[in-house]
Amino acid sequence: MIGISAFKIAHPGWLTLSPLSSSGLGSHTQQDVVIKWPFYRPSSHTAAAGSSTLKITHYALADELQKLFNKSNVLYWAKSLLNFTYEYIDHCINAASSPPSFQIPHVHFMDAGIALAFSHHSSNTQGISNQAPTADVKAGTFSAVYLLEEPVTFDSPGNQTFTKFIHNKD
């Protein structure tokens, strides 16, 4: 596990799409990604004093899909608007008689996407058996959803500056 935040668990992973995407996530085989899975803390959970146990519960599949779809859609639009903003800034700088007297910072939204997991067998399989399971979930059924993000990387070992401008905590 990479870490746990206020409402997501992050794990390392890799992604290979077929066919490969032209850019961004899935543009090369075995691309490193961060796999995020949302959770919530049940309201009835009260940790005992001094307990290091954290009780979490995952959302129903339909709720999980909606939450991650909304988040990835917001990331998509935010990244598009940021790119449009930088194109406009570059256009204005090129049209100006002299460059600005200050440096314009370049920030970056992480590439992100949704990964849908599908079951390869029924959820009603019982141990090792020669009998066909009585399936209540058909093979190939949608079984989980994850948010995939590009990992934070640095240009060189000496340049490890990362500032998170948008976060979920105070």
N, C-alpha and C. Protein backbone atom coordinates (compact mmCIF):
# COMPACT_ATOMS: atom_id res chain seq x y z
N MET A 1 0.85 -1.17 0.00
CA MET A 1 0.00 0.00 0.00
C MET A 1 0.90 1.24 0.00
N ILE A 2 0.51 2.23 -0.80
CA ILE A 2 1.24 3.50 -0.84
C ILE A 2 0.81 4.36 0.34
N GLY A 3 -0.50 4.40 0.59
CA GLY A 3 -0.98 5.22 1.69
C GLY A 3 -2.49 5.21 1.79
N ILE A 4 -2.96 5.89 2.82
CA ILE A 4 -4.39 6.00 3.04
C ILE A 4 -4.69 7.46 3.36
N SER A 5 -5.67 8.02 2.68
CA SER A 5 -6.03 9.42 2.89
C SER A 5 -7.35 9.49 3.63
N ALA A 6 -7.99 10.62 3.56
CA ALA A 6 -9.26 10.80 4.25
C ALA A 6 -10.36 9.91 3.70
N PHE A 7 -10.29 9.58 2.40
CA PHE A 7 -11.36 8.76 1.83
C PHE A 7 -10.94 7.85 0.68
N LYS A 8 -9.61 7.62 0.51
CA LYS A 8 -9.15 6.70 -0.53
C LYS A 8 -7.94 5.92 -0.02
N ILE A 9 -7.84 4.67 -0.46
CA ILE A 9 -6.66 3.86 -0.22
C ILE A 9 -5.89 3.82 -1.54
N ALA A 10 -4.58 4.00 -1.47
CA ALA A 10 -3.76 4.02 -2.69
C ALA A 10 -2.79 2.84 -2.69
N HIS A 11 -2.75 2.15 -3.82
CA HIS A 11 -1.85 1.01 -4.03
C HIS A 11 -1.06 1.23 -5.32
N PRO A 12 0.16 0.70 -5.38
CA PRO A 12 0.90 0.76 -6.64
C PRO A 12 0.33 -0.26 -7.62
N GLY A 13 0.45 0.02 -8.90
CA GLY A 13 -0.02 -0.92 -9.91
C GLY A 13 0.56 -0.57 -11.26
N TRP A 14 0.14 -1.26 -12.27
CA TRP A 14 0.54 -0.95 -13.63
C TRP A 14 -0.64 -1.17 -14.56
N LEU A 15 -0.58 -0.51 -15.70
CA LEU A 15 -1.67 -0.51 -16.66
C LEU A 15 -1.14 -0.82 -18.05
N THR A 16 -1.81 -1.70 -18.75
CA THR A 16 -1.55 -1.96 -20.15
C THR A 16 -2.88 -1.99 -20.87
N LEU A 17 -3.07 -1.08 -21.81
CA LEU A 17 -4.29 -1.06 -22.61
C LEU A 17 -4.03 -1.73 -23.95
N SER A 18 -5.07 -2.26 -24.53
CA SER A 18 -4.95 -2.87 -25.86
C SER A 18 -6.15 -2.42 -26.69
N PRO A 19 -5.97 -1.56 -27.65
CA PRO A 19 -4.73 -0.96 -28.12
C PRO A 19 -4.27 0.14 -27.16
N LEU A 20 -3.00 0.53 -27.30
CA LEU A 20 -2.45 1.58 -26.46
C LEU A 20 -3.10 2.92 -26.77
N SER A 21 -3.21 3.76 -25.77
CA SER A 21 -3.73 5.11 -25.94
C SER A 21 -2.66 5.94 -26.65
N SER A 22 -3.07 7.00 -27.35
CA SER A 22 -2.11 7.83 -28.08
C SER A 22 -1.28 8.70 -27.13
N SER A 23 -1.81 9.01 -25.94
CA SER A 23 -1.07 9.80 -24.97
C SER A 23 -1.68 9.59 -23.59
N GLY A 24 -0.97 10.03 -22.56
CA GLY A 24 -1.48 9.94 -21.20
C GLY A 24 -1.47 8.52 -20.66
N LEU A 25 -2.40 8.25 -19.75
CA LEU A 25 -2.48 6.91 -19.16
C LEU A 25 -2.74 5.87 -20.24
N GLY A 26 -2.01 4.77 -20.16
CA GLY A 26 -2.20 3.69 -21.11
C GLY A 26 -1.49 3.89 -22.43
N SER A 27 -0.55 4.84 -22.50
CA SER A 27 0.15 5.09 -23.76
C SER A 27 1.36 4.19 -23.96
N HIS A 28 1.73 3.44 -22.94
CA HIS A 28 2.77 2.42 -23.10
C HIS A 28 2.46 1.24 -22.18
N THR A 29 3.04 0.10 -22.49
CA THR A 29 2.73 -1.12 -21.73
C THR A 29 3.34 -1.06 -20.33
N GLN A 30 2.68 -1.71 -19.42
CA GLN A 30 3.07 -1.79 -18.02
C GLN A 30 3.43 -0.42 -17.44
N GLN A 31 2.57 0.54 -17.70
CA GLN A 31 2.76 1.89 -17.19
C GLN A 31 2.45 1.91 -15.70
N ASP A 32 3.38 2.46 -14.91
CA ASP A 32 3.15 2.57 -13.47
C ASP A 32 1.97 3.51 -13.21
N VAL A 33 1.09 3.10 -12.31
CA VAL A 33 -0.06 3.91 -11.92
C VAL A 33 -0.27 3.78 -10.41
N VAL A 34 -1.04 4.68 -9.87
CA VAL A 34 -1.50 4.59 -8.50
C VAL A 34 -2.97 4.19 -8.59
N ILE A 35 -3.33 3.11 -7.93
CA ILE A 35 -4.70 2.60 -7.94
C ILE A 35 -5.37 3.08 -6.66
N LYS A 36 -6.44 3.85 -6.82
CA LYS A 36 -7.13 4.41 -5.65
C LYS A 36 -8.53 3.81 -5.54
N TRP A 37 -8.89 3.48 -4.31
CA TRP A 37 -10.18 2.86 -4.03
C TRP A 37 -10.85 3.64 -2.91
N PRO A 38 -12.02 4.23 -3.16
CA PRO A 38 -12.67 5.06 -2.14
C PRO A 38 -13.27 4.22 -1.01
N PHE A 39 -13.38 4.84 0.15
CA PHE A 39 -14.00 4.20 1.31
C PHE A 39 -14.63 5.28 2.17
N TYR A 40 -15.36 4.84 3.17
CA TYR A 40 -15.87 5.76 4.17
C TYR A 40 -15.77 5.09 5.53
N ARG A 41 -15.82 5.92 6.55
CA ARG A 41 -15.79 5.41 7.92
C ARG A 41 -17.24 5.32 8.40
N PRO A 42 -17.67 4.15 8.81
CA PRO A 42 -19.06 4.03 9.27
C PRO A 42 -19.32 4.97 10.44
N SER A 43 -20.49 5.59 10.44
CA SER A 43 -20.80 6.56 11.49
C SER A 43 -20.90 5.90 12.86
N SER A 44 -21.21 4.61 12.90
CA SER A 44 -21.34 3.91 14.18
C SER A 44 -19.98 3.55 14.77
N HIS A 45 -18.89 3.73 13.98
CA HIS A 45 -17.56 3.34 14.44
C HIS A 45 -17.00 4.41 15.39
N THR A 46 -16.70 4.01 16.59
CA THR A 46 -15.99 4.86 17.53
C THR A 46 -14.78 4.09 18.01
N ALA A 47 -13.62 4.57 17.66
CA ALA A 47 -12.39 3.86 18.03
C ALA A 47 -12.16 3.96 19.52
N ALA A 48 -11.73 2.88 20.11
CA ALA A 48 -11.41 2.87 21.53
C ALA A 48 -10.18 3.76 21.75
N ALA A 49 -10.11 4.36 22.92
CA ALA A 49 -8.99 5.25 23.23
C ALA A 49 -7.67 4.48 23.08
N GLY A 50 -6.75 5.07 22.36
CA GLY A 50 -5.45 4.45 22.17
C GLY A 50 -5.43 3.36 21.11
N SER A 51 -6.55 3.10 20.46
CA SER A 51 -6.61 2.04 19.44
C SER A 51 -6.03 2.57 18.14
N SER A 52 -5.23 1.74 17.47
CA SER A 52 -4.67 2.13 16.18
C SER A 52 -5.47 1.50 15.04
N THR A 53 -6.58 0.86 15.37
CA THR A 53 -7.41 0.21 14.36
C THR A 53 -8.31 1.24 13.69
N LEU A 54 -8.31 1.22 12.37
CA LEU A 54 -9.16 2.11 11.59
C LEU A 54 -10.18 1.26 10.87
N LYS A 55 -11.44 1.47 11.15
CA LYS A 55 -12.48 0.72 10.48
C LYS A 55 -12.97 1.51 9.28
N ILE A 56 -12.93 0.87 8.11
CA ILE A 56 -13.41 1.51 6.89
C ILE A 56 -14.36 0.56 6.18
N THR A 57 -15.22 1.12 5.36
CA THR A 57 -16.17 0.35 4.58
C THR A 57 -16.18 0.90 3.16
N HIS A 58 -16.28 0.01 2.20
CA HIS A 58 -16.35 0.46 0.81
C HIS A 58 -17.80 0.69 0.41
N TYR A 59 -17.98 1.57 -0.54
CA TYR A 59 -19.31 1.92 -1.02
C TYR A 59 -19.93 0.77 -1.83
N ALA A 60 -21.23 0.82 -1.97
CA ALA A 60 -21.90 -0.09 -2.90
C ALA A 60 -21.35 0.20 -4.29
N LEU A 61 -21.30 -0.80 -5.13
CA LEU A 61 -20.67 -0.68 -6.44
C LEU A 61 -21.24 0.48 -7.26
N ALA A 62 -22.55 0.64 -7.27
CA ALA A 62 -23.17 1.72 -8.05
C ALA A 62 -22.75 3.09 -7.51
N ASP A 63 -22.67 3.23 -6.18
CA ASP A 63 -22.26 4.50 -5.57
C ASP A 63 -20.77 4.77 -5.85
N GLU A 64 -19.97 3.72 -5.76
CA GLU A 64 -18.54 3.84 -6.02
C GLU A 64 -18.30 4.30 -7.46
N LEU A 65 -19.00 3.69 -8.39
CA LEU A 65 -18.86 4.06 -9.80
C LEU A 65 -19.23 5.52 -10.01
N GLN A 66 -20.33 5.96 -9.44
CA GLN A 66 -20.78 7.35 -9.61
C GLN A 66 -19.77 8.33 -9.02
N LYS A 67 -19.26 8.05 -7.82
CA LYS A 67 -18.30 8.93 -7.18
C LYS A 67 -17.01 9.04 -8.00
N LEU A 68 -16.49 7.91 -8.46
CA LEU A 68 -15.25 7.93 -9.22
C LEU A 68 -15.46 8.49 -10.62
N PHE A 69 -16.62 8.25 -11.21
CA PHE A 69 -16.92 8.85 -12.51
C PHE A 69 -16.94 10.37 -12.39
N ASN A 70 -17.60 10.89 -11.35
CA ASN A 70 -17.66 12.33 -11.14
C ASN A 70 -16.26 12.91 -10.92
N LYS A 71 -15.45 12.25 -10.10
CA LYS A 71 -14.09 12.74 -9.83
C LYS A 71 -13.25 12.75 -11.09
N SER A 72 -13.30 11.67 -11.87
CA SER A 72 -12.49 11.62 -13.08
C SER A 72 -12.98 12.64 -14.12
N ASN A 73 -14.28 12.88 -14.16
CA ASN A 73 -14.82 13.87 -15.08
C ASN A 73 -14.35 15.28 -14.69
N VAL A 74 -14.33 15.58 -13.40
CA VAL A 74 -13.83 16.88 -12.93
C VAL A 74 -12.35 17.02 -13.27
N LEU A 75 -11.57 15.96 -13.05
CA LEU A 75 -10.14 16.01 -13.40
C LEU A 75 -9.94 16.24 -14.89
N TYR A 76 -10.76 15.59 -15.71
CA TYR A 76 -10.67 15.75 -17.18
C TYR A 76 -10.92 17.21 -17.56
N TRP A 77 -12.00 17.80 -17.05
CA TRP A 77 -12.32 19.18 -17.40
C TRP A 77 -11.29 20.16 -16.82
N ALA A 78 -10.82 19.91 -15.61
CA ALA A 78 -9.82 20.79 -15.00
C ALA A 78 -8.54 20.77 -15.82
N LYS A 79 -8.12 19.60 -16.25
CA LYS A 79 -6.91 19.49 -17.06
C LYS A 79 -7.09 20.19 -18.41
N SER A 80 -8.26 20.03 -19.01
CA SER A 80 -8.55 20.69 -20.29
C SER A 80 -8.53 22.21 -20.14
N LEU A 81 -9.14 22.71 -19.08
CA LEU A 81 -9.15 24.17 -18.85
C LEU A 81 -7.76 24.70 -18.55
N LEU A 82 -6.98 23.93 -17.80
CA LEU A 82 -5.60 24.35 -17.52
C LEU A 82 -4.79 24.42 -18.81
N ASN A 83 -4.92 23.42 -19.66
CA ASN A 83 -4.21 23.44 -20.95
C ASN A 83 -4.64 24.62 -21.81
N PHE A 84 -5.94 24.92 -21.84
CA PHE A 84 -6.46 26.06 -22.58
C PHE A 84 -5.87 27.36 -22.02
N THR A 85 -5.78 27.45 -20.70
CA THR A 85 -5.21 28.65 -20.06
C THR A 85 -3.77 28.86 -20.47
N TYR A 86 -2.97 27.78 -20.46
CA TYR A 86 -1.57 27.91 -20.85
C TYR A 86 -1.43 28.23 -22.33
N GLU A 87 -2.29 27.72 -23.18
CA GLU A 87 -2.27 28.07 -24.60
C GLU A 87 -2.54 29.57 -24.78
N TYR A 88 -3.48 30.10 -24.02
CA TYR A 88 -3.81 31.52 -24.09
C TYR A 88 -2.64 32.37 -23.58
N ILE A 89 -2.04 31.95 -22.47
CA ILE A 89 -0.89 32.69 -21.93
C ILE A 89 0.24 32.70 -22.96
N ASP A 90 0.52 31.53 -23.56
CA ASP A 90 1.58 31.46 -24.57
C ASP A 90 1.27 32.36 -25.77
N HIS A 91 0.01 32.38 -26.19
CA HIS A 91 -0.40 33.24 -27.30
C HIS A 91 -0.16 34.72 -26.95
N CYS A 92 -0.53 35.12 -25.73
CA CYS A 92 -0.35 36.51 -25.32
C CYS A 92 1.12 36.88 -25.21
N ILE A 93 1.94 35.97 -24.71
CA ILE A 93 3.38 36.24 -24.61
C ILE A 93 3.99 36.39 -25.99
N ASN A 94 3.60 35.52 -26.93
CA ASN A 94 4.12 35.61 -28.30
C ASN A 94 3.67 36.88 -29.00
N ALA A 95 2.50 37.38 -28.67
CA ALA A 95 1.98 38.59 -29.30
C ALA A 95 2.51 39.87 -28.65
N ALA A 96 3.08 39.76 -27.44
CA ALA A 96 3.56 40.94 -26.71
C ALA A 96 4.89 41.41 -27.29
N SER A 97 5.17 42.69 -27.08
CA SER A 97 6.43 43.25 -27.58
C SER A 97 7.63 42.81 -26.75
N SER A 98 7.40 42.46 -25.49
CA SER A 98 8.49 41.96 -24.64
C SER A 98 7.92 40.89 -23.69
N PRO A 99 8.79 40.00 -23.23
CA PRO A 99 8.30 38.96 -22.32
C PRO A 99 7.91 39.56 -20.97
N PRO A 100 7.10 38.85 -20.20
CA PRO A 100 6.71 39.37 -18.88
C PRO A 100 7.93 39.49 -17.96
N SER A 101 7.84 40.39 -17.01
CA SER A 101 8.96 40.63 -16.09
C SER A 101 8.99 39.61 -14.95
N PHE A 102 8.11 38.63 -14.98
CA PHE A 102 8.04 37.61 -13.94
C PHE A 102 7.92 36.24 -14.59
N GLN A 103 8.26 35.23 -13.84
CA GLN A 103 8.17 33.87 -14.34
C GLN A 103 6.75 33.33 -14.11
N ILE A 104 6.18 32.72 -15.11
CA ILE A 104 4.85 32.14 -14.99
C ILE A 104 5.00 30.68 -14.58
N PRO A 105 4.46 30.32 -13.42
CA PRO A 105 4.61 28.93 -12.96
C PRO A 105 3.79 27.98 -13.83
N HIS A 106 4.29 26.77 -13.96
CA HIS A 106 3.56 25.73 -14.69
C HIS A 106 3.18 24.64 -13.71
N VAL A 107 1.89 24.48 -13.50
CA VAL A 107 1.38 23.42 -12.64
C VAL A 107 0.84 22.30 -13.52
N HIS A 108 0.51 21.19 -12.92
CA HIS A 108 0.16 20.00 -13.69
C HIS A 108 -0.93 19.23 -12.95
N PHE A 109 -2.01 18.90 -13.65
CA PHE A 109 -2.99 17.97 -13.11
C PHE A 109 -2.55 16.57 -13.50
N MET A 110 -2.67 15.65 -12.59
CA MET A 110 -2.27 14.27 -12.85
C MET A 110 -3.21 13.66 -13.89
N ASP A 111 -2.63 12.84 -14.78
CA ASP A 111 -3.47 12.04 -15.68
C ASP A 111 -4.24 11.05 -14.82
N ALA A 112 -5.50 10.86 -15.13
CA ALA A 112 -6.33 9.96 -14.32
C ALA A 112 -7.36 9.30 -15.21
N GLY A 113 -7.89 8.21 -14.74
CA GLY A 113 -8.93 7.49 -15.46
C GLY A 113 -9.59 6.48 -14.54
N ILE A 114 -10.62 5.88 -15.05
CA ILE A 114 -11.36 4.87 -14.29
C ILE A 114 -11.02 3.50 -14.84
N ALA A 115 -10.80 2.55 -13.94
CA ALA A 115 -10.60 1.15 -14.33
C ALA A 115 -11.76 0.34 -13.78
N LEU A 116 -12.40 -0.40 -14.64
CA LEU A 116 -13.50 -1.29 -14.23
C LEU A 116 -12.97 -2.71 -14.18
N ALA A 117 -13.19 -3.38 -13.08
CA ALA A 117 -12.77 -4.77 -12.94
C ALA A 117 -13.97 -5.67 -13.20
N PHE A 118 -13.73 -6.76 -13.89
CA PHE A 118 -14.79 -7.71 -14.19
C PHE A 118 -14.45 -9.05 -13.59
N SER A 119 -15.45 -9.70 -13.06
CA SER A 119 -15.29 -11.02 -12.44
C SER A 119 -15.06 -12.07 -13.52
N HIS A 120 -14.14 -12.99 -13.25
CA HIS A 120 -13.88 -14.09 -14.17
C HIS A 120 -14.60 -15.36 -13.76
N HIS A 121 -15.23 -15.34 -12.60
CA HIS A 121 -15.97 -16.51 -12.12
C HIS A 121 -17.10 -16.03 -11.24
N SER A 122 -17.95 -16.93 -10.86
CA SER A 122 -19.10 -16.55 -10.06
C SER A 122 -18.68 -16.20 -8.65
N SER A 123 -19.47 -15.38 -7.99
CA SER A 123 -19.17 -15.01 -6.61
C SER A 123 -19.68 -16.08 -5.65
N ASN A 124 -20.30 -17.13 -6.16
CA ASN A 124 -20.87 -18.17 -5.31
C ASN A 124 -20.06 -19.46 -5.40
N THR A 125 -18.78 -19.35 -5.74
CA THR A 125 -17.91 -20.52 -5.83
C THR A 125 -17.56 -20.98 -4.42
N GLN A 126 -17.62 -22.28 -4.19
CA GLN A 126 -17.32 -22.78 -2.85
C GLN A 126 -16.17 -23.76 -2.90
N GLY A 127 -14.99 -23.28 -2.52
CA GLY A 127 -13.82 -24.14 -2.39
C GLY A 127 -13.49 -24.90 -3.67
N ILE A 128 -12.89 -26.07 -3.50
CA ILE A 128 -12.52 -26.92 -4.62
C ILE A 128 -13.64 -27.92 -4.82
N SER A 129 -14.18 -27.93 -6.01
CA SER A 129 -15.30 -28.82 -6.29
C SER A 129 -15.32 -29.16 -7.76
N ASN A 130 -15.79 -30.35 -8.07
CA ASN A 130 -15.95 -30.75 -9.47
C ASN A 130 -17.30 -30.32 -10.01
N GLN A 131 -18.17 -29.85 -9.14
CA GLN A 131 -19.49 -29.42 -9.58
C GLN A 131 -19.44 -27.96 -10.02
N ALA A 132 -20.25 -27.66 -11.00
CA ALA A 132 -20.37 -26.26 -11.44
C ALA A 132 -21.02 -25.45 -10.33
N PRO A 133 -20.47 -24.26 -10.04
CA PRO A 133 -21.07 -23.45 -8.99
C PRO A 133 -22.44 -22.93 -9.39
N THR A 134 -23.29 -22.74 -8.42
CA THR A 134 -24.58 -22.11 -8.69
C THR A 134 -24.32 -20.62 -8.62
N ALA A 135 -24.27 -19.99 -9.75
CA ALA A 135 -23.81 -18.61 -9.84
C ALA A 135 -24.93 -17.62 -9.58
N ASP A 136 -24.67 -16.69 -8.68
CA ASP A 136 -25.57 -15.56 -8.53
C ASP A 136 -24.98 -14.34 -9.24
N VAL A 137 -23.71 -14.43 -9.66
CA VAL A 137 -23.08 -13.41 -10.48
C VAL A 137 -22.47 -14.12 -11.67
N LYS A 138 -22.83 -13.70 -12.87
CA LYS A 138 -22.32 -14.34 -14.07
C LYS A 138 -20.88 -13.95 -14.34
N ALA A 139 -20.14 -14.86 -14.95
CA ALA A 139 -18.75 -14.56 -15.32
C ALA A 139 -18.73 -13.35 -16.23
N GLY A 140 -17.76 -12.48 -16.04
CA GLY A 140 -17.66 -11.27 -16.84
C GLY A 140 -18.49 -10.13 -16.30
N THR A 141 -19.04 -10.27 -15.11
CA THR A 141 -19.84 -9.22 -14.50
C THR A 141 -18.95 -8.16 -13.87
N PHE A 142 -19.33 -6.93 -14.01
CA PHE A 142 -18.64 -5.78 -13.43
C PHE A 142 -18.58 -5.99 -11.91
N SER A 143 -17.37 -5.96 -11.33
CA SER A 143 -17.25 -6.29 -9.91
C SER A 143 -16.55 -5.24 -9.05
N ALA A 144 -15.83 -4.30 -9.65
CA ALA A 144 -15.15 -3.26 -8.87
C ALA A 144 -14.77 -2.10 -9.78
N VAL A 145 -14.56 -0.95 -9.17
CA VAL A 145 -14.13 0.24 -9.92
C VAL A 145 -13.03 0.93 -9.14
N TYR A 146 -12.02 1.42 -9.86
CA TYR A 146 -10.88 2.08 -9.24
C TYR A 146 -10.56 3.36 -10.01
N LEU A 147 -9.97 4.31 -9.32
CA LEU A 147 -9.43 5.51 -9.95
C LEU A 147 -7.95 5.27 -10.16
N LEU A 148 -7.48 5.43 -11.39
CA LEU A 148 -6.06 5.29 -11.70
C LEU A 148 -5.48 6.67 -11.90
N GLU A 149 -4.32 6.92 -11.34
CA GLU A 149 -3.63 8.19 -11.52
C GLU A 149 -2.17 7.92 -11.82
N GLU A 150 -1.57 8.85 -12.57
CA GLU A 150 -0.13 8.74 -12.78
C GLU A 150 0.57 9.00 -11.45
N PRO A 151 1.66 8.30 -11.18
CA PRO A 151 2.39 8.55 -9.93
C PRO A 151 3.17 9.85 -10.00
N VAL A 152 3.44 10.44 -8.86
CA VAL A 152 4.28 11.62 -8.80
C VAL A 152 5.71 11.18 -9.07
N THR A 153 6.34 11.77 -10.07
CA THR A 153 7.73 11.45 -10.40
C THR A 153 8.54 12.74 -10.42
N PHE A 154 9.83 12.59 -10.31
CA PHE A 154 10.72 13.75 -10.29
C PHE A 154 11.71 13.64 -11.44
N ASP A 155 12.17 14.80 -11.93
CA ASP A 155 13.11 14.85 -13.05
C ASP A 155 14.43 14.18 -12.71
N SER A 156 14.90 14.42 -11.50
CA SER A 156 16.19 13.86 -11.09
C SER A 156 16.17 13.69 -9.57
N PRO A 157 17.09 12.89 -9.04
CA PRO A 157 17.12 12.70 -7.58
C PRO A 157 17.33 14.01 -6.82
N GLY A 158 18.04 14.97 -7.41
CA GLY A 158 18.26 16.24 -6.75
C GLY A 158 17.07 17.19 -6.82
N ASN A 159 16.16 16.96 -7.76
CA ASN A 159 14.99 17.82 -7.93
C ASN A 159 13.74 17.06 -7.49
N GLN A 160 13.49 17.09 -6.19
CA GLN A 160 12.33 16.37 -5.67
C GLN A 160 11.36 17.34 -5.01
N THR A 161 11.06 18.42 -5.72
CA THR A 161 10.13 19.41 -5.21
C THR A 161 8.73 19.07 -5.72
N PHE A 162 7.81 18.91 -4.81
CA PHE A 162 6.43 18.65 -5.18
C PHE A 162 5.55 19.45 -4.24
N THR A 163 4.66 20.25 -4.79
CA THR A 163 3.72 21.02 -4.00
C THR A 163 2.32 20.65 -4.45
N LYS A 164 1.53 20.17 -3.51
CA LYS A 164 0.15 19.83 -3.82
C LYS A 164 -0.69 21.06 -3.55
N PHE A 165 -1.25 21.63 -4.61
CA PHE A 165 -2.02 22.87 -4.48
C PHE A 165 -3.48 22.60 -4.11
N ILE A 166 -4.00 21.47 -4.55
CA ILE A 166 -5.40 21.14 -4.27
C ILE A 166 -5.41 19.89 -3.42
N HIS A 167 -6.02 19.96 -2.26
CA HIS A 167 -6.07 18.81 -1.37
C HIS A 167 -7.38 18.80 -0.62
N ASN A 168 -7.63 17.74 0.11
CA ASN A 168 -8.91 17.54 0.77
C ASN A 168 -8.91 17.82 2.26
N LYS A 169 -7.80 18.27 2.78
CA LYS A 169 -7.70 18.53 4.22
C LYS A 169 -7.49 20.01 4.46
N ASP A 170 -7.76 20.43 5.68
CA ASP A 170 -7.54 21.85 6.04
C ASP A 170 -6.09 22.12 6.30
